Amino acid sequence: VLNNDKPTSILPFLHIIENLKATPRTGWLNFNIENPESIASHMYRMSIISMLCTTPSINRD
């Protein structure tokens, strides 16, 4: 986490999450699903869905 008191590089984090583009979802692999989606694809879709949800009672955290 970046903060003003202790600046750190965000590059190590970006390198880690870059791997998620090529990492298939484990659940899909466990069920022998052909062409499983990547973790990054799933995260992207879930983030879009959460931004589109306007119901105040939904906890987005």
PDB file of N, CA and C in Angstrom:
ATOM      1  N   VAL A   1       0.850  -1.179   0.000  1.00  0.00           N
ATOM      2  CA  VAL A   1       0.000   0.000   0.000  1.00  0.00           C
ATOM      3  C   VAL A   1       0.888   1.232   0.000  1.00  0.00           C
ATOM      4  N   LEU A   2       0.523   2.148  -0.825  1.00  0.00           N
ATOM      5  CA  LEU A   2       1.282   3.390  -0.886  1.00  0.00           C
ATOM      6  C   LEU A   2       0.719   4.393   0.103  1.00  0.00           C
ATOM      7  N   ASN A   3       1.614   5.072   0.793  1.00  0.00           N
ATOM      8  CA  ASN A   3       1.184   6.169   1.657  1.00  0.00           C
ATOM      9  C   ASN A   3       2.264   7.241   1.634  1.00  0.00           C
ATOM     10  N   ASN A   4       1.944   8.390   2.156  1.00  0.00           N
ATOM     11  CA  ASN A   4       2.875   9.511   2.113  1.00  0.00           C
ATOM     12  C   ASN A   4       4.032   9.359   3.080  1.00  0.00           C
ATOM     13  N   ASP A   5       3.847   8.603   4.163  1.00  0.00           N
ATOM     14  CA  ASP A   5       4.896   8.449   5.158  1.00  0.00           C
ATOM     15  C   ASP A   5       6.013   7.525   4.683  1.00  0.00           C
ATOM     16  N   LYS A   6       5.644   6.473   3.976  1.00  0.00           N
ATOM     17  CA  LYS A   6       6.614   5.478   3.522  1.00  0.00           C
ATOM     18  C   LYS A   6       6.380   5.177   2.046  1.00  0.00           C
ATOM     19  N   PRO A   7       6.922   5.970   1.156  1.00  0.00           N
ATOM     20  CA  PRO A   7       6.690   5.688  -0.257  1.00  0.00           C
ATOM     21  C   PRO A   7       7.349   4.371  -0.666  1.00  0.00           C
ATOM     22  N   THR A   8       6.604   3.551  -1.353  1.00  0.00           N
ATOM     23  CA  THR A   8       7.126   2.286  -1.856  1.00  0.00           C
ATOM     24  C   THR A   8       6.761   2.168  -3.321  1.00  0.00           C
ATOM     25  N   SER A   9       7.429   1.273  -3.986  1.00  0.00           N
ATOM     26  CA  SER A   9       7.159   1.078  -5.404  1.00  0.00           C
ATOM     27  C   SER A   9       5.933   0.201  -5.591  1.00  0.00           C
ATOM     28  N   ILE A  10       5.110   0.574  -6.525  1.00  0.00           N
ATOM     29  CA  ILE A  10       3.930  -0.221  -6.851  1.00  0.00           C
ATOM     30  C   ILE A  10       4.280  -1.288  -7.896  1.00  0.00           C
ATOM     31  N   LEU A  11       5.481  -1.219  -8.459  1.00  0.00           N
ATOM     32  CA  LEU A  11       5.871  -2.155  -9.512  1.00  0.00           C
ATOM     33  C   LEU A  11       5.810  -3.623  -9.097  1.00  0.00           C
ATOM     34  N   PRO A  12       6.281  -4.014  -7.907  1.00  0.00           N
ATOM     35  CA  PRO A  12       6.154  -5.433  -7.536  1.00  0.00           C
ATOM     36  C   PRO A  12       4.702  -5.914  -7.553  1.00  0.00           C
ATOM     37  N   PHE A  13       3.798  -5.079  -7.083  1.00  0.00           N
ATOM     38  CA  PHE A  13       2.375  -5.435  -7.099  1.00  0.00           C
ATOM     39  C   PHE A  13       1.878  -5.595  -8.530  1.00  0.00           C
ATOM     40  N   LEU A  14       2.260  -4.678  -9.402  1.00  0.00           N
ATOM     41  CA  LEU A  14       1.825  -4.751 -10.798  1.00  0.00           C
ATOM     42  C   LEU A  14       2.367  -5.995 -11.492  1.00  0.00           C
ATOM     43  N   HIS A  15       3.575  -6.408 -11.145  1.00  0.00           N
ATOM     44  CA  HIS A  15       4.132  -7.635 -11.722  1.00  0.00           C
ATOM     45  C   HIS A  15       3.350  -8.859 -11.252  1.00  0.00           C
ATOM     46  N   ILE A  16       2.941  -8.860 -10.005  1.00  0.00           N
ATOM     47  CA  ILE A  16       2.162  -9.990  -9.478  1.00  0.00           C
ATOM     48  C   ILE A  16       0.817 -10.078 -10.182  1.00  0.00           C
ATOM     49  N   ILE A  17       0.116  -8.956 -10.274  1.00  0.00           N
ATOM     50  CA  ILE A  17      -1.219  -9.021 -10.874  1.00  0.00           C
ATOM     51  C   ILE A  17      -1.164  -9.244 -12.379  1.00  0.00           C
ATOM     52  N   GLU A  18      -0.015  -8.951 -12.998  1.00  0.00           N
ATOM     53  CA  GLU A  18       0.127  -9.244 -14.428  1.00  0.00           C
ATOM     54  C   GLU A  18      -0.015 -10.743 -14.682  1.00  0.00           C
ATOM     55  N   ASN A  19       0.459 -11.555 -13.757  1.00  0.00           N
ATOM     56  CA  ASN A  19       0.361 -13.011 -13.900  1.00  0.00           C
ATOM     57  C   ASN A  19      -1.079 -13.499 -13.907  1.00  0.00           C
ATOM     58  N   LEU A  20      -1.990 -12.722 -13.347  1.00  0.00           N
ATOM     59  CA  LEU A  20      -3.387 -13.148 -13.279  1.00  0.00           C
ATOM     60  C   LEU A  20      -4.033 -13.231 -14.660  1.00  0.00           C
ATOM     61  N   LYS A  21      -3.458 -12.531 -15.641  1.00  0.00           N
ATOM     62  CA  LYS A  21      -4.000 -12.595 -17.003  1.00  0.00           C
ATOM     63  C   LYS A  21      -3.855 -13.995 -17.592  1.00  0.00           C
ATOM     64  N   ALA A  22      -2.804 -14.696 -17.188  1.00  0.00           N
ATOM     65  CA  ALA A  22      -2.526 -16.022 -17.752  1.00  0.00           C
ATOM     66  C   ALA A  22      -2.847 -17.152 -16.778  1.00  0.00           C
ATOM     67  N   THR A  23      -3.394 -16.816 -15.616  1.00  0.00           N
ATOM     68  CA  THR A  23      -3.700 -17.833 -14.607  1.00  0.00           C
ATOM     69  C   THR A  23      -5.170 -18.208 -14.687  1.00  0.00           C
ATOM     70  N   PRO A  24      -5.459 -19.464 -15.062  1.00  0.00           N
ATOM     71  CA  PRO A  24      -6.864 -19.876 -15.144  1.00  0.00           C
ATOM     72  C   PRO A  24      -7.476 -20.035 -13.757  1.00  0.00           C
ATOM     73  N   ARG A  25      -8.767 -19.846 -13.682  1.00  0.00           N
ATOM     74  CA  ARG A  25      -9.470 -20.000 -12.406  1.00  0.00           C
ATOM     75  C   ARG A  25      -9.452 -21.465 -11.982  1.00  0.00           C
ATOM     76  N   THR A  26      -9.099 -21.704 -10.738  1.00  0.00           N
ATOM     77  CA  THR A  26      -8.942 -23.061 -10.215  1.00  0.00           C
ATOM     78  C   THR A  26     -10.227 -23.862 -10.285  1.00  0.00           C
ATOM     79  N   GLY A  27     -11.339 -23.254  -9.946  1.00  0.00           N
ATOM     80  CA  GLY A  27     -12.613 -23.967  -9.975  1.00  0.00           C
ATOM     81  C   GLY A  27     -12.931 -24.515 -11.354  1.00  0.00           C
ATOM     82  N   TRP A  28     -12.600 -23.744 -12.368  1.00  0.00           N
ATOM     83  CA  TRP A  28     -12.841 -24.195 -13.741  1.00  0.00           C
ATOM     84  C   TRP A  28     -11.942 -25.379 -14.064  1.00  0.00           C
ATOM     85  N   LEU A  29     -10.696 -25.306 -13.600  1.00  0.00           N
ATOM     86  CA  LEU A  29      -9.768 -26.415 -13.835  1.00  0.00           C
ATOM     87  C   LEU A  29     -10.219 -27.669 -13.101  1.00  0.00           C
ATOM     88  N   ASN A  30     -10.711 -27.499 -11.875  1.00  0.00           N
ATOM     89  CA  ASN A  30     -11.167 -28.645 -11.079  1.00  0.00           C
ATOM     90  C   ASN A  30     -12.315 -29.390 -11.749  1.00  0.00           C
ATOM     91  N   PHE A  31     -13.114 -28.679 -12.545  1.00  0.00           N
ATOM     92  CA  PHE A  31     -14.248 -29.298 -13.230  1.00  0.00           C
ATOM     93  C   PHE A  31     -13.961 -29.553 -14.713  1.00  0.00           C
ATOM     94  N   ASN A  32     -12.673 -29.497 -15.066  1.00  0.00           N
ATOM     95  CA  ASN A  32     -12.231 -29.786 -16.440  1.00  0.00           C
ATOM     96  C   ASN A  32     -12.981 -28.975 -17.500  1.00  0.00           C
ATOM     97  N   ILE A  33     -13.225 -27.704 -17.202  1.00  0.00           N
ATOM     98  CA  ILE A  33     -13.876 -26.805 -18.156  1.00  0.00           C
ATOM     99  C   ILE A  33     -12.862 -26.440 -19.247  1.00  0.00           C
ATOM    100  N   GLU A  34     -13.270 -26.578 -20.506  1.00  0.00           N
ATOM    101  CA  GLU A  34     -12.383 -26.195 -21.602  1.00  0.00           C
ATOM    102  C   GLU A  34     -12.285 -24.678 -21.687  1.00  0.00           C
ATOM    103  N   ASN A  35     -11.116 -24.193 -22.020  1.00  0.00           N
ATOM    104  CA  ASN A  35     -10.856 -22.756 -22.156  1.00  0.00           C
ATOM    105  C   ASN A  35     -11.331 -21.969 -20.936  1.00  0.00           C
ATOM    106  N   PRO A  36     -10.797 -22.288 -19.756  1.00  0.00           N
ATOM    107  CA  PRO A  36     -11.242 -21.574 -18.553  1.00  0.00           C
ATOM    108  C   PRO A  36     -10.853 -20.100 -18.607  1.00  0.00           C
ATOM    109  N   GLU A  37     -11.698 -19.270 -18.020  1.00  0.00           N
ATOM    110  CA  GLU A  37     -11.375 -17.845 -17.988  1.00  0.00           C
ATOM    111  C   GLU A  37     -10.227 -17.612 -17.020  1.00  0.00           C
ATOM    112  N   SER A  38      -9.533 -16.523 -17.206  1.00  0.00           N
ATOM    113  CA  SER A  38      -8.427 -16.183 -16.313  1.00  0.00           C
ATOM    114  C   SER A  38      -8.963 -15.486 -15.064  1.00  0.00           C
ATOM    115  N   ILE A  39      -8.129 -15.452 -14.059  1.00  0.00           N
ATOM    116  CA  ILE A  39      -8.494 -14.738 -12.829  1.00  0.00           C
ATOM    117  C   ILE A  39      -8.698 -13.256 -13.148  1.00  0.00           C
ATOM    118  N   ALA A  40      -7.845 -12.700 -14.005  1.00  0.00           N
ATOM    119  CA  ALA A  40      -7.969 -11.284 -14.371  1.00  0.00           C
ATOM    120  C   ALA A  40      -9.294 -10.999 -15.072  1.00  0.00           C
ATOM    121  N   SER A  41      -9.712 -11.900 -15.951  1.00  0.00           N
ATOM    122  CA  SER A  41     -10.997 -11.708 -16.640  1.00  0.00           C
ATOM    123  C   SER A  41     -12.147 -11.690 -15.649  1.00  0.00           C
ATOM    124  N   HIS A  42     -12.092 -12.598 -14.697  1.00  0.00           N
ATOM    125  CA  HIS A  42     -13.143 -12.671 -13.684  1.00  0.00           C
ATOM    126  C   HIS A  42     -13.148 -11.402 -12.825  1.00  0.00           C
ATOM    127  N   MET A  43     -11.970 -10.966 -12.399  1.00  0.00           N
ATOM    128  CA  MET A  43     -11.878  -9.769 -11.560  1.00  0.00           C
ATOM    129  C   MET A  43     -12.403  -8.541 -12.298  1.00  0.00           C
ATOM    130  N   TYR A  44     -12.081  -8.439 -13.576  1.00  0.00           N
ATOM    131  CA  TYR A  44     -12.543  -7.300 -14.367  1.00  0.00           C
ATOM    132  C   TYR A  44     -14.066  -7.285 -14.443  1.00  0.00           C
ATOM    133  N   ARG A  45     -14.648  -8.426 -14.768  1.00  0.00           N
ATOM    134  CA  ARG A  45     -16.109  -8.497 -14.888  1.00  0.00           C
ATOM    135  C   ARG A  45     -16.780  -8.196 -13.552  1.00  0.00           C
ATOM    136  N   MET A  46     -16.248  -8.723 -12.464  1.00  0.00           N
ATOM    137  CA  MET A  46     -16.841  -8.476 -11.145  1.00  0.00           C
ATOM    138  C   MET A  46     -16.729  -7.003 -10.757  1.00  0.00           C
ATOM    139  N   SER A  47     -15.627  -6.364 -11.121  1.00  0.00           N
ATOM    140  CA  SER A  47     -15.487  -4.942 -10.785  1.00  0.00           C
ATOM    141  C   SER A  47     -16.488  -4.091 -11.566  1.00  0.00           C
ATOM    142  N   ILE A  48     -16.727  -4.435 -12.829  1.00  0.00           N
ATOM    143  CA  ILE A  48     -17.722  -3.706 -13.627  1.00  0.00           C
ATOM    144  C   ILE A  48     -19.117  -3.903 -13.037  1.00  0.00           C
ATOM    145  N   ILE A  49     -19.443  -5.140 -12.675  1.00  0.00           N
ATOM    146  CA  ILE A  49     -20.756  -5.418 -12.074  1.00  0.00           C
ATOM    147  C   ILE A  49     -20.927  -4.622 -10.790  1.00  0.00           C
ATOM    148  N   SER A  50     -19.883  -4.577  -9.957  1.00  0.00           N
ATOM    149  CA  SER A  50     -20.010  -3.848  -8.688  1.00  0.00           C
ATOM    150  C   SER A  50     -20.195  -2.352  -8.920  1.00  0.00           C
ATOM    151  N   MET A  51     -19.572  -1.813  -9.959  1.00  0.00           N
ATOM    152  CA  MET A  51     -19.756  -0.389 -10.255  1.00  0.00           C
ATOM    153  C   MET A  51     -21.151  -0.098 -10.790  1.00  0.00           C
ATOM    154  N   LEU A  52     -21.756  -1.076 -11.445  1.00  0.00           N
ATOM    155  CA  LEU A  52     -23.092  -0.878 -12.008  1.00  0.00           C
ATOM    156  C   LEU A  52     -24.207  -1.062 -10.979  1.00  0.00           C
ATOM    157  N   CYS A  53     -23.898  -1.712  -9.870  1.00  0.00           N
ATOM    158  CA  CYS A  53     -24.908  -1.927  -8.824  1.00  0.00           C
ATOM    159  C   CYS A  53     -25.142  -0.615  -8.090  1.00  0.00           C
ATOM    160  N   THR A  54     -26.364  -0.139  -8.148  1.00  0.00           N
ATOM    161  CA  THR A  54     -26.668   1.134  -7.490  1.00  0.00           C
ATOM    162  C   THR A  54     -27.515   0.949  -6.241  1.00  0.00           C
ATOM    163  N   THR A  55     -27.793  -0.302  -5.896  1.00  0.00           N
ATOM    164  CA  THR A  55     -28.588  -0.562  -4.705  1.00  0.00           C
ATOM    165  C   THR A  55     -27.774  -0.192  -3.469  1.00  0.00           C
ATOM    166  N   PRO A  56     -28.247   0.775  -2.657  1.00  0.00           N
ATOM    167  CA  PRO A  56     -27.475   1.224  -1.492  1.00  0.00           C
ATOM    168  C   PRO A  56     -27.242   0.127  -0.455  1.00  0.00           C
ATOM    169  N   SER A  57     -28.096  -0.867  -0.422  1.00  0.00           N
ATOM    170  CA  SER A  57     -27.944  -1.905   0.601  1.00  0.00           C
ATOM    171  C   SER A  57     -26.843  -2.910   0.264  1.00  0.00           C
ATOM    172  N   ILE A  58     -26.296  -2.857  -0.953  1.00  0.00           N
ATOM    173  CA  ILE A  58     -25.230  -3.783  -1.332  1.00  0.00           C
ATOM    174  C   ILE A  58     -23.908  -3.277  -0.771  1.00  0.00           C
ATOM    175  N   ASN A  59     -23.224  -4.156  -0.041  1.00  0.00           N
ATOM    176  CA  ASN A  59     -21.919  -3.818   0.515  1.00  0.00           C
ATOM    177  C   ASN A  59     -20.864  -4.058  -0.562  1.00  0.00           C
ATOM    178  N   ARG A  60     -20.276  -3.011  -1.082  1.00  0.00           N
ATOM    179  CA  ARG A  60     -19.283  -3.146  -2.147  1.00  0.00           C
ATOM    180  C   ARG A  60     -17.890  -3.409  -1.614  1.00  0.00           C
ATOM    181  N   ASP A  61     -17.730  -3.418  -0.311  1.00  0.00           N
ATOM    182  CA  ASP A  61     -16.416  -3.715   0.272  1.00  0.00           C
ATOM    183  C   ASP A  61     -16.274  -5.183   0.349  1.00  0.00           C
TER     184      ASP A  61
END
